[in-house]
């Protein structure tokens, strides 16, 4: 079986040990299977993306010994592709415009009659304030758009599954059946004013167009997999296998983020550590075929 995977960081800060873990694991699994490892740049957030951070990504990954074929894809150059996918979903009657701000969503979800707000992959689960009773008609507007999750499930069917070769946060592995998405995910945003498309839409389009067969990433993204699998079914895409790995955490148990400059790969390089040292720190043995 062909094995094609990718590492898709955002150029909004330095790569840290968690990034190193994902990148090396994906690279090693692809090499062990005689497959391909792609590097992609997820730069939809143009307000925070910087050329110097992108250059640092290339430099850090090359220092770790990783290689990839070119050219490297950038999401900022694929907005027309995402717009086409949105148009396909709009034609199916699955999208609707939404004018709610984050503050509006917090206020609506926190209303006394709503109980405690549900949290999903994107934060507070959208309470459906702008959801219409019938699909909008006419041309697709140039506006923020949400997926009507209930209508989407009616079309795609509620017996959707994916294959997990790693493990989710609670040990989920093997064949995973999607749960109660209206409650746990809600009507996710697929088009945003500031970026044109959401992470969820862009990532499934990129994976499909690049022929990705295996997605390797941290367990923090496990809850978002349900969104991606649903979109893949709606857009006629093949669902890859998923491999979620444990997260790299600091001494307090908090997962690493871009703000953790002290654990940036560049910092360890400056201190004289080697790529082998980084592998030992994150628990990825050389040329591991699984973890």
C-alpha atoms as a PDB file:
ATOM      1  CA  UNK A   1       0.000   0.000   0.000  1.00  0.00           C
ATOM      2  CA  UNK A   2       1.272   3.478  -0.853  1.00  0.00           C
ATOM      3  CA  UNK A   3       2.196   5.507   2.207  1.00  0.00           C
ATOM      4  CA  UNK A   4       2.038   9.288   1.791  1.00  0.00           C
ATOM      5  CA  UNK A   5       2.061  11.584   4.784  1.00  0.00           C
ATOM      6  CA  UNK A   6       2.845  15.204   5.623  1.00  0.00           C
ATOM      7  CA  UNK A   7       3.915  17.679   8.269  1.00  0.00           C
ATOM      8  CA  UNK A   8       2.055  20.997   8.001  1.00  0.00           C
ATOM      9  CA  UNK A   9       3.251  23.644  10.479  1.00  0.00           C
ATOM     10  CA  UNK A  10       2.143  27.269  10.606  1.00  0.00           C
ATOM     11  CA  UNK A  11       4.908  29.886  10.217  1.00  0.00           C
ATOM     12  CA  UNK A  12       3.715  31.898  13.227  1.00  0.00           C
ATOM     13  CA  UNK A  13       6.552  31.113  15.635  1.00  0.00           C
ATOM     14  CA  UNK A  14       9.436  28.726  16.291  1.00  0.00           C
ATOM     15  CA  UNK A  15       9.045  24.971  16.045  1.00  0.00           C
ATOM     16  CA  UNK A  16       9.205  23.333  19.478  1.00  0.00           C
ATOM     17  CA  UNK A  17       9.721  19.779  20.722  1.00  0.00           C
ATOM     18  CA  UNK A  18       6.114  18.842  19.982  1.00  0.00           C
ATOM     19  CA  UNK A  19       6.601  19.793  16.345  1.00  0.00           C
ATOM     20  CA  UNK A  20       9.843  17.825  16.248  1.00  0.00           C
ATOM     21  CA  UNK A  21       8.016  14.773  17.551  1.00  0.00           C
ATOM     22  CA  UNK A  22       5.296  14.922  14.874  1.00  0.00           C
ATOM     23  CA  UNK A  23       7.671  15.707  12.032  1.00  0.00           C
ATOM     24  CA  UNK A  24      10.234  13.016  12.867  1.00  0.00           C
ATOM     25  CA  UNK A  25       7.588  10.379  13.504  1.00  0.00           C
ATOM     26  CA  UNK A  26       5.827  11.109  10.196  1.00  0.00           C
ATOM     27  CA  UNK A  27       9.132  11.184   8.331  1.00  0.00           C
ATOM     28  CA  UNK A  28      10.305   7.908   9.884  1.00  0.00           C
ATOM     29  CA  UNK A  29       7.018   6.095   9.256  1.00  0.00           C
ATOM     30  CA  UNK A  30       7.034   7.165   5.607  1.00  0.00           C
ATOM     31  CA  UNK A  31      10.638   6.062   5.120  1.00  0.00           C
ATOM     32  CA  UNK A  32      10.008   2.718   6.845  1.00  0.00           C
ATOM     33  CA  UNK A  33       7.079   2.078   4.489  1.00  0.00           C
ATOM     34  CA  UNK A  34       8.989   3.189   1.384  1.00  0.00           C
ATOM     35  CA  UNK A  35       6.589   6.098   1.066  1.00  0.00           C
ATOM     36  CA  UNK A  36       6.681   9.876   0.792  1.00  0.00           C
ATOM     37  CA  UNK A  37       6.909  12.609   3.419  1.00  0.00           C
ATOM     38  CA  UNK A  38       5.639  16.039   2.362  1.00  0.00           C
ATOM     39  CA  UNK A  39       6.218  19.383   4.035  1.00  0.00           C
ATOM     40  CA  UNK A  40       3.368  21.897   3.745  1.00  0.00           C
ATOM     41  CA  UNK A  41       3.082  25.414   5.080  1.00  0.00           C
ATOM     42  CA  UNK A  42      -0.262  26.232   6.674  1.00  0.00           C
ATOM     43  CA  UNK A  43      -0.142  30.007   6.345  1.00  0.00           C
ATOM     44  CA  UNK A  44      -3.845  30.897   6.175  1.00  0.00           C
ATOM     45  CA  UNK A  45      -3.315  33.235   9.134  1.00  0.00           C
ATOM     46  CA  UNK A  46      -1.558  35.905   7.090  1.00  0.00           C
ATOM     47  CA  UNK A  47      -1.697  38.391   9.978  1.00  0.00           C
ATOM     48  CA  UNK A  48       0.639  36.230  12.070  1.00  0.00           C
ATOM     49  CA  UNK A  49       2.628  34.309   9.429  1.00  0.00           C
ATOM     50  CA  UNK A  50       6.145  35.587   8.837  1.00  0.00           C
ATOM     51  CA  UNK A  51       8.760  34.721   6.148  1.00  0.00           C
ATOM     52  CA  UNK A  52      11.446  34.424   8.812  1.00  0.00           C
ATOM     53  CA  UNK A  53       9.456  31.763  10.672  1.00  0.00           C
ATOM     54  CA  UNK A  54       8.945  29.824   7.436  1.00  0.00           C
ATOM     55  CA  UNK A  55      12.681  29.969   6.756  1.00  0.00           C
ATOM     56  CA  UNK A  56      13.319  28.737  10.301  1.00  0.00           C
ATOM     57  CA  UNK A  57      10.981  25.773   9.692  1.00  0.00           C
ATOM     58  CA  UNK A  58      13.027  24.650   6.704  1.00  0.00           C
ATOM     59  CA  UNK A  59      16.282  25.131   8.584  1.00  0.00           C
ATOM     60  CA  UNK A  60      15.186  23.286  11.740  1.00  0.00           C
ATOM     61  CA  UNK A  61      13.717  20.320   9.873  1.00  0.00           C
ATOM     62  CA  UNK A  62      16.800  19.977   7.667  1.00  0.00           C
ATOM     63  CA  UNK A  63      18.977  20.070  10.806  1.00  0.00           C
ATOM     64  CA  UNK A  64      16.885  17.214  12.213  1.00  0.00           C
ATOM     65  CA  UNK A  65      17.767  15.221   9.094  1.00  0.00           C
ATOM     66  CA  UNK A  66      14.361  15.330   7.415  1.00  0.00           C
ATOM     67  CA  UNK A  67      13.958  15.591   3.656  1.00  0.00           C
ATOM     68  CA  UNK A  68      10.937  16.182   1.447  1.00  0.00           C
ATOM     69  CA  UNK A  69      10.145  16.649  -2.255  1.00  0.00           C
ATOM     70  CA  UNK A  70       9.405  20.079  -3.654  1.00  0.00           C
ATOM     71  CA  UNK A  71       7.753  22.337  -4.325  1.00  0.00           C
ATOM     72  CA  UNK A  72       6.362  23.001  -0.852  1.00  0.00           C
ATOM     73  CA  UNK A  73       2.638  23.826  -0.855  1.00  0.00           C
ATOM     74  CA  UNK A  74       1.376  26.958   0.890  1.00  0.00           C
ATOM     75  CA  UNK A  75      -2.256  27.392   1.828  1.00  0.00           C
ATOM     76  CA  UNK A  76      -2.135  31.099   0.987  1.00  0.00           C
ATOM     77  CA  UNK A  77      -1.739  30.110  -2.665  1.00  0.00           C
ATOM     78  CA  UNK A  78      -4.705  27.741  -2.677  1.00  0.00           C
ATOM     79  CA  UNK A  79      -7.608  30.015  -1.738  1.00  0.00           C
ATOM     80  CA  UNK A  80      -9.366  29.433  -5.076  1.00  0.00           C
ATOM     81  CA  UNK A  81      -9.334  25.688  -4.373  1.00  0.00           C
ATOM     82  CA  UNK A  82     -10.963  26.213  -0.996  1.00  0.00           C
ATOM     83  CA  UNK A  83     -13.548  28.526  -2.547  1.00  0.00           C
ATOM     84  CA  UNK A  84     -14.456  25.772  -5.014  1.00  0.00           C
ATOM     85  CA  UNK A  85     -14.991  23.336  -2.130  1.00  0.00           C
ATOM     86  CA  UNK A  86     -17.183  25.874  -0.361  1.00  0.00           C
ATOM     87  CA  UNK A  87     -19.227  26.333  -3.532  1.00  0.00           C
ATOM     88  CA  UNK A  88     -19.745  22.574  -3.703  1.00  0.00           C
ATOM     89  CA  UNK A  89     -21.064  22.503  -0.127  1.00  0.00           C
ATOM     90  CA  UNK A  90     -23.202  25.601  -0.743  1.00  0.00           C
ATOM     91  CA  UNK A  91     -24.808  23.923  -3.758  1.00  0.00           C
ATOM     92  CA  UNK A  92     -25.706  20.990  -1.515  1.00  0.00           C
ATOM     93  CA  UNK A  93     -27.542  23.358   0.837  1.00  0.00           C
ATOM     94  CA  UNK A  94     -25.126  22.691   3.712  1.00  0.00           C
ATOM     95  CA  UNK A  95     -23.735  26.178   4.407  1.00  0.00           C
ATOM     96  CA  UNK A  96     -25.223  29.355   5.818  1.00  0.00           C
ATOM     97  CA  UNK A  97     -23.853  32.855   6.531  1.00  0.00           C
ATOM     98  CA  UNK A  98     -23.049  33.697  10.130  1.00  0.00           C
ATOM     99  CA  UNK A  99     -22.498  37.178  11.550  1.00  0.00           C
ATOM    100  CA  UNK A 100     -21.798  36.109  15.149  1.00  0.00           C
ATOM    101  CA  UNK A 101     -18.628  37.330  16.806  1.00  0.00           C
ATOM    102  CA  UNK A 102     -16.761  35.225  19.359  1.00  0.00           C
ATOM    103  CA  UNK A 103     -18.294  37.401  22.072  1.00  0.00           C
ATOM    104  CA  UNK A 104     -21.778  36.754  20.649  1.00  0.00           C
ATOM    105  CA  UNK A 105     -21.171  33.009  20.730  1.00  0.00           C
ATOM    106  CA  UNK A 106     -19.904  33.100  24.314  1.00  0.00           C
ATOM    107  CA  UNK A 107     -22.928  35.135  25.410  1.00  0.00           C
ATOM    108  CA  UNK A 108     -25.477  32.914  23.638  1.00  0.00           C
ATOM    109  CA  UNK A 109     -23.877  29.664  24.800  1.00  0.00           C
ATOM    110  CA  UNK A 110     -23.626  30.945  28.380  1.00  0.00           C
ATOM    111  CA  UNK A 111     -27.261  32.028  28.686  1.00  0.00           C
ATOM    112  CA  UNK A 112     -28.898  30.538  31.799  1.00  0.00           C
ATOM    113  CA  UNK A 113     -31.340  28.432  29.801  1.00  0.00           C
ATOM    114  CA  UNK A 114     -28.478  26.850  27.852  1.00  0.00           C
ATOM    115  CA  UNK A 115     -26.669  25.374  30.844  1.00  0.00           C
ATOM    116  CA  UNK A 116     -22.886  24.997  30.824  1.00  0.00           C
ATOM    117  CA  UNK A 117     -21.391  25.688  27.363  1.00  0.00           C
ATOM    118  CA  UNK A 118     -20.195  22.615  25.455  1.00  0.00           C
ATOM    119  CA  UNK A 119     -16.596  22.733  24.290  1.00  0.00           C
ATOM    120  CA  UNK A 120     -15.539  21.278  20.942  1.00  0.00           C
ATOM    121  CA  UNK A 121     -12.462  21.320  18.683  1.00  0.00           C
ATOM    122  CA  UNK A 122     -12.913  25.058  18.008  1.00  0.00           C
ATOM    123  CA  UNK A 123     -13.793  26.089  21.543  1.00  0.00           C
ATOM    124  CA  UNK A 124     -17.407  26.750  22.541  1.00  0.00           C
ATOM    125  CA  UNK A 125     -19.790  24.711  20.374  1.00  0.00           C
ATOM    126  CA  UNK A 126     -21.765  27.148  18.220  1.00  0.00           C
ATOM    127  CA  UNK A 127     -25.329  27.472  19.591  1.00  0.00           C
ATOM    128  CA  UNK A 128     -26.947  27.876  16.160  1.00  0.00           C
ATOM    129  CA  UNK A 129     -27.887  31.537  16.426  1.00  0.00           C
ATOM    130  CA  UNK A 130     -27.731  32.226  12.666  1.00  0.00           C
ATOM    131  CA  UNK A 131     -28.804  28.763  11.486  1.00  0.00           C
ATOM    132  CA  UNK A 132     -31.772  29.101   9.081  1.00  0.00           C
ATOM    133  CA  UNK A 133     -34.743  26.760   9.044  1.00  0.00           C
ATOM    134  CA  UNK A 134     -34.190  26.145   5.332  1.00  0.00           C
ATOM    135  CA  UNK A 135     -30.972  26.193   3.252  1.00  0.00           C
ATOM    136  CA  UNK A 136     -30.196  29.646   1.824  1.00  0.00           C
ATOM    137  CA  UNK A 137     -30.783  30.110  -1.904  1.00  0.00           C
ATOM    138  CA  UNK A 138     -29.024  32.154  -4.543  1.00  0.00           C
ATOM    139  CA  UNK A 139     -25.296  32.724  -5.107  1.00  0.00           C
ATOM    140  CA  UNK A 140     -22.882  31.908  -2.311  1.00  0.00           C
ATOM    141  CA  UNK A 141     -22.118  35.127  -0.419  1.00  0.00           C
ATOM    142  CA  UNK A 142     -18.636  36.393   0.290  1.00  0.00           C
ATOM    143  CA  UNK A 143     -19.176  36.107   4.034  1.00  0.00           C
ATOM    144  CA  UNK A 144     -18.330  33.876   6.983  1.00  0.00           C
ATOM    145  CA  UNK A 145     -20.017  30.512   6.416  1.00  0.00           C
ATOM    146  CA  UNK A 146     -20.892  27.654   8.761  1.00  0.00           C
ATOM    147  CA  UNK A 147     -21.653  24.016   8.057  1.00  0.00           C
ATOM    148  CA  UNK A 148     -25.161  22.933   9.043  1.00  0.00           C
ATOM    149  CA  UNK A 149     -23.949  19.807  10.794  1.00  0.00           C
ATOM    150  CA  UNK A 150     -27.378  18.165  11.129  1.00  0.00           C
ATOM    151  CA  UNK A 151     -28.146  18.572   7.419  1.00  0.00           C
ATOM    152  CA  UNK A 152     -24.629  17.391   6.567  1.00  0.00           C
ATOM    153  CA  UNK A 153     -25.098  14.193   8.571  1.00  0.00           C
ATOM    154  CA  UNK A 154     -28.471  13.578   6.918  1.00  0.00           C
ATOM    155  CA  UNK A 155     -26.739  13.707   3.542  1.00  0.00           C
ATOM    156  CA  UNK A 156     -23.563  11.820   4.472  1.00  0.00           C
ATOM    157  CA  UNK A 157     -25.195   9.296   6.796  1.00  0.00           C
ATOM    158  CA  UNK A 158     -24.508   8.897  10.482  1.00  0.00           C
ATOM    159  CA  UNK A 159     -22.520   5.652  10.184  1.00  0.00           C
ATOM    160  CA  UNK A 160     -19.164   7.294   9.464  1.00  0.00           C
ATOM    161  CA  UNK A 161     -15.884   5.779  10.626  1.00  0.00           C
ATOM    162  CA  UNK A 162     -12.130   6.191  10.290  1.00  0.00           C
ATOM    163  CA  UNK A 163      -9.128   4.029  11.082  1.00  0.00           C
ATOM    164  CA  UNK A 164      -6.931   5.062  14.014  1.00  0.00           C
ATOM    165  CA  UNK A 165      -3.510   3.378  14.026  1.00  0.00           C
ATOM    166  CA  UNK A 166      -2.259   5.351  17.015  1.00  0.00           C
ATOM    167  CA  UNK A 167      -4.470   6.297  19.938  1.00  0.00           C
ATOM    168  CA  UNK A 168      -6.752   9.134  20.946  1.00  0.00           C
ATOM    169  CA  UNK A 169      -6.562  10.895  24.335  1.00  0.00           C
ATOM    170  CA  UNK A 170      -8.664   8.161  25.952  1.00  0.00           C
ATOM    171  CA  UNK A 171      -6.932   5.278  24.195  1.00  0.00           C
ATOM    172  CA  UNK A 172      -9.275   5.202  21.189  1.00  0.00           C
ATOM    173  CA  UNK A 173      -7.800   3.016  18.452  1.00  0.00           C
ATOM    174  CA  UNK A 174      -8.815   0.780  15.561  1.00  0.00           C
ATOM    175  CA  UNK A 175     -12.082   1.561  13.787  1.00  0.00           C
ATOM    176  CA  UNK A 176     -13.527   4.738  15.284  1.00  0.00           C
ATOM    177  CA  UNK A 177     -17.176   5.641  14.775  1.00  0.00           C
ATOM    178  CA  UNK A 178     -18.046   9.333  14.766  1.00  0.00           C
ATOM    179  CA  UNK A 179     -20.032  10.419  17.802  1.00  0.00           C
ATOM    180  CA  UNK A 180     -22.861  12.900  18.329  1.00  0.00           C
ATOM    181  CA  UNK A 181     -21.446  15.673  16.156  1.00  0.00           C
ATOM    182  CA  UNK A 182     -24.264  18.207  16.615  1.00  0.00           C
ATOM    183  CA  UNK A 183     -23.534  18.174  20.338  1.00  0.00           C
ATOM    184  CA  UNK A 184     -19.751  17.690  20.368  1.00  0.00           C
ATOM    185  CA  UNK A 185     -18.770  19.683  17.268  1.00  0.00           C
ATOM    186  CA  UNK A 186     -21.684  21.897  16.283  1.00  0.00           C
ATOM    187  CA  UNK A 187     -21.955  24.007  13.136  1.00  0.00           C
ATOM    188  CA  UNK A 188     -18.258  24.591  12.510  1.00  0.00           C
ATOM    189  CA  UNK A 189     -17.015  27.626  10.598  1.00  0.00           C
ATOM    190  CA  UNK A 190     -15.681  26.752   7.139  1.00  0.00           C
ATOM    191  CA  UNK A 191     -15.192  30.260   5.710  1.00  0.00           C
ATOM    192  CA  UNK A 192     -13.786  33.138   7.724  1.00  0.00           C
ATOM    193  CA  UNK A 193     -13.492  36.821   6.885  1.00  0.00           C
ATOM    194  CA  UNK A 194      -9.854  37.083   7.924  1.00  0.00           C
ATOM    195  CA  UNK A 195      -8.520  33.913   6.243  1.00  0.00           C
ATOM    196  CA  UNK A 196     -11.001  33.010   3.503  1.00  0.00           C
ATOM    197  CA  UNK A 197     -11.226  29.405   4.660  1.00  0.00           C
ATOM    198  CA  UNK A 198     -11.006  27.602   7.965  1.00  0.00           C
ATOM    199  CA  UNK A 199      -8.300  25.177   9.008  1.00  0.00           C
ATOM    200  CA  UNK A 200     -10.746  22.270   8.750  1.00  0.00           C
ATOM    201  CA  UNK A 201     -11.707  22.929   5.128  1.00  0.00           C
ATOM    202  CA  UNK A 202      -8.185  23.737   3.983  1.00  0.00           C
ATOM    203  CA  UNK A 203      -6.625  20.678   5.568  1.00  0.00           C
ATOM    204  CA  UNK A 204      -9.010  18.179   3.961  1.00  0.00           C
ATOM    205  CA  UNK A 205      -8.611  19.799   0.535  1.00  0.00           C
ATOM    206  CA  UNK A 206      -4.825  19.767   0.843  1.00  0.00           C
ATOM    207  CA  UNK A 207      -4.705  16.163   2.047  1.00  0.00           C
ATOM    208  CA  UNK A 208      -6.983  14.991  -0.764  1.00  0.00           C
ATOM    209  CA  UNK A 209      -5.160  16.891  -3.499  1.00  0.00           C
ATOM    210  CA  UNK A 210      -1.761  15.720  -2.287  1.00  0.00           C
ATOM    211  CA  UNK A 211      -2.847  12.086  -2.053  1.00  0.00           C
ATOM    212  CA  UNK A 212      -2.214  11.797   1.685  1.00  0.00           C
ATOM    213  CA  UNK A 213      -2.893   8.241   2.854  1.00  0.00           C
ATOM    214  CA  UNK A 214      -1.818   8.609   6.503  1.00  0.00           C
ATOM    215  CA  UNK A 215      -2.203  11.651   8.763  1.00  0.00           C
ATOM    216  CA  UNK A 216       0.206  11.669  11.713  1.00  0.00           C
ATOM    217  CA  UNK A 217      -0.334  14.309  14.386  1.00  0.00           C
ATOM    218  CA  UNK A 218      -0.743  14.963  18.113  1.00  0.00           C
ATOM    219  CA  UNK A 219      -3.650  13.794  20.233  1.00  0.00           C
ATOM    220  CA  UNK A 220      -4.858  17.382  20.673  1.00  0.00           C
ATOM    221  CA  UNK A 221      -6.213  17.169  17.105  1.00  0.00           C
ATOM    222  CA  UNK A 222      -8.052  13.884  17.646  1.00  0.00           C
ATOM    223  CA  UNK A 223     -11.441  15.617  18.304  1.00  0.00           C
ATOM    224  CA  UNK A 224     -11.154  17.517  15.000  1.00  0.00           C
ATOM    225  CA  UNK A 225     -10.859  14.268  13.051  1.00  0.00           C
ATOM    226  CA  UNK A 226     -14.648  13.841  13.092  1.00  0.00           C
ATOM    227  CA  UNK A 227     -15.024  17.164  11.254  1.00  0.00           C
ATOM    228  CA  UNK A 228     -12.426  16.161   8.682  1.00  0.00           C
ATOM    229  CA  UNK A 229     -13.959  12.738   8.045  1.00  0.00           C
ATOM    230  CA  UNK A 230     -17.409  14.276   7.555  1.00  0.00           C
ATOM    231  CA  UNK A 231     -16.067  16.864   5.106  1.00  0.00           C
ATOM    232  CA  UNK A 232     -14.213  14.159   3.196  1.00  0.00           C
ATOM    233  CA  UNK A 233     -17.459  12.235   2.737  1.00  0.00           C
ATOM    234  CA  UNK A 234     -19.410  15.327   1.699  1.00  0.00           C
ATOM    235  CA  UNK A 235     -16.756  16.367  -0.839  1.00  0.00           C
ATOM    236  CA  UNK A 236     -16.232  12.876  -2.296  1.00  0.00           C
ATOM    237  CA  UNK A 237     -12.717  12.492  -0.897  1.00  0.00           C
ATOM    238  CA  UNK A 238     -10.960   9.369   0.355  1.00  0.00           C
ATOM    239  CA  UNK A 239     -10.490   9.280   4.122  1.00  0.00           C
ATOM    240  CA  UNK A 240      -6.857   8.600   5.085  1.00  0.00           C
ATOM    241  CA  UNK A 241      -5.796   6.545   8.075  1.00  0.00           C
ATOM    242  CA  UNK A 242      -5.042   8.621  11.179  1.00  0.00           C
ATOM    243  CA  UNK A 243      -2.254   8.127  13.683  1.00  0.00           C
ATOM    244  CA  UNK A 244      -2.469  10.357  16.761  1.00  0.00           C
ATOM    245  CA  UNK A 245       0.528  10.332  19.088  1.00  0.00           C
ATOM    246  CA  UNK A 246       0.990  11.401  22.678  1.00  0.00           C
ATOM    247  CA  UNK A 247       1.700  15.066  23.345  1.00  0.00           C
ATOM    248  CA  UNK A 248       5.012  16.472  24.503  1.00  0.00           C
ATOM    249  CA  UNK A 249       4.413  18.341  27.749  1.00  0.00           C
ATOM    250  CA  UNK A 250       6.387  20.575  30.094  1.00  0.00           C
ATOM    251  CA  UNK A 251       7.200  19.836  33.722  1.00  0.00           C
ATOM    252  CA  UNK A 252       3.722  20.962  34.838  1.00  0.00           C
ATOM    253  CA  UNK A 253       1.945  18.663  32.398  1.00  0.00           C
ATOM    254  CA  UNK A 254       0.913  21.457  30.024  1.00  0.00           C
ATOM    255  CA  UNK A 255       1.298  20.687  26.325  1.00  0.00           C
ATOM    256  CA  UNK A 256       3.856  22.767  24.481  1.00  0.00           C
ATOM    257  CA  UNK A 257       2.763  25.693  22.311  1.00  0.00           C
ATOM    258  CA  UNK A 258       4.382  28.370  20.156  1.00  0.00           C
ATOM    259  CA  UNK A 259       4.866  30.507  23.258  1.00  0.00           C
ATOM    260  CA  UNK A 260       7.307  27.937  24.688  1.00  0.00           C
ATOM    261  CA  UNK A 261      10.436  29.501  23.189  1.00  0.00           C
ATOM    262  CA  UNK A 262      12.556  27.838  25.865  1.00  0.00           C
ATOM    263  CA  UNK A 263      11.721  24.518  24.211  1.00  0.00           C
ATOM    264  CA  UNK A 264      12.150  25.736  20.646  1.00  0.00           C
ATOM    265  CA  UNK A 265      14.313  23.532  18.436  1.00  0.00           C
ATOM    266  CA  UNK A 266      16.471  26.556  17.604  1.00  0.00           C
ATOM    267  CA  UNK A 267      17.171  27.089  21.315  1.00  0.00           C
ATOM    268  CA  UNK A 268      18.409  23.526  21.763  1.00  0.00           C
ATOM    269  CA  UNK A 269      20.525  23.855  18.628  1.00  0.00           C
ATOM    270  CA  UNK A 270      22.142  26.996  20.013  1.00  0.00           C
ATOM    271  CA  UNK A 271      22.881  25.142  23.250  1.00  0.00           C
ATOM    272  CA  UNK A 272      24.824  22.496  21.330  1.00  0.00           C
ATOM    273  CA  UNK A 273      22.363  19.600  21.365  1.00  0.00           C
ATOM    274  CA  UNK A 274      22.282  17.189  18.429  1.00  0.00           C
ATOM    275  CA  UNK A 275      19.370  15.748  16.436  1.00  0.00           C
ATOM    276  CA  UNK A 276      19.935  12.481  18.313  1.00  0.00           C
ATOM    277  CA  UNK A 277      19.469  14.374  21.580  1.00  0.00           C
ATOM    278  CA  UNK A 278      16.148  15.756  20.337  1.00  0.00           C
ATOM    279  CA  UNK A 279      15.000  12.256  19.379  1.00  0.00           C
ATOM    280  CA  UNK A 280      15.784  10.997  22.844  1.00  0.00           C
ATOM    281  CA  UNK A 281      13.977  13.925  24.454  1.00  0.00           C
ATOM    282  CA  UNK A 282      10.717  13.275  22.563  1.00  0.00           C
ATOM    283  CA  UNK A 283      10.975   9.478  22.548  1.00  0.00           C
ATOM    284  CA  UNK A 284      11.233   8.888  18.794  1.00  0.00           C
ATOM    285  CA  UNK A 285      13.835   6.251  18.078  1.00  0.00           C
ATOM    286  CA  UNK A 286      15.751   6.519  14.794  1.00  0.00           C
ATOM    287  CA  UNK A 287      13.708   5.149  11.891  1.00  0.00           C
ATOM    288  CA  UNK A 288      10.804   4.069  14.076  1.00  0.00           C
ATOM    289  CA  UNK A 289       8.038   2.460  12.032  1.00  0.00           C
ATOM    290  CA  UNK A 290       5.426   3.029  14.716  1.00  0.00           C
ATOM    291  CA  UNK A 291       5.022   4.529  18.171  1.00  0.00           C
END
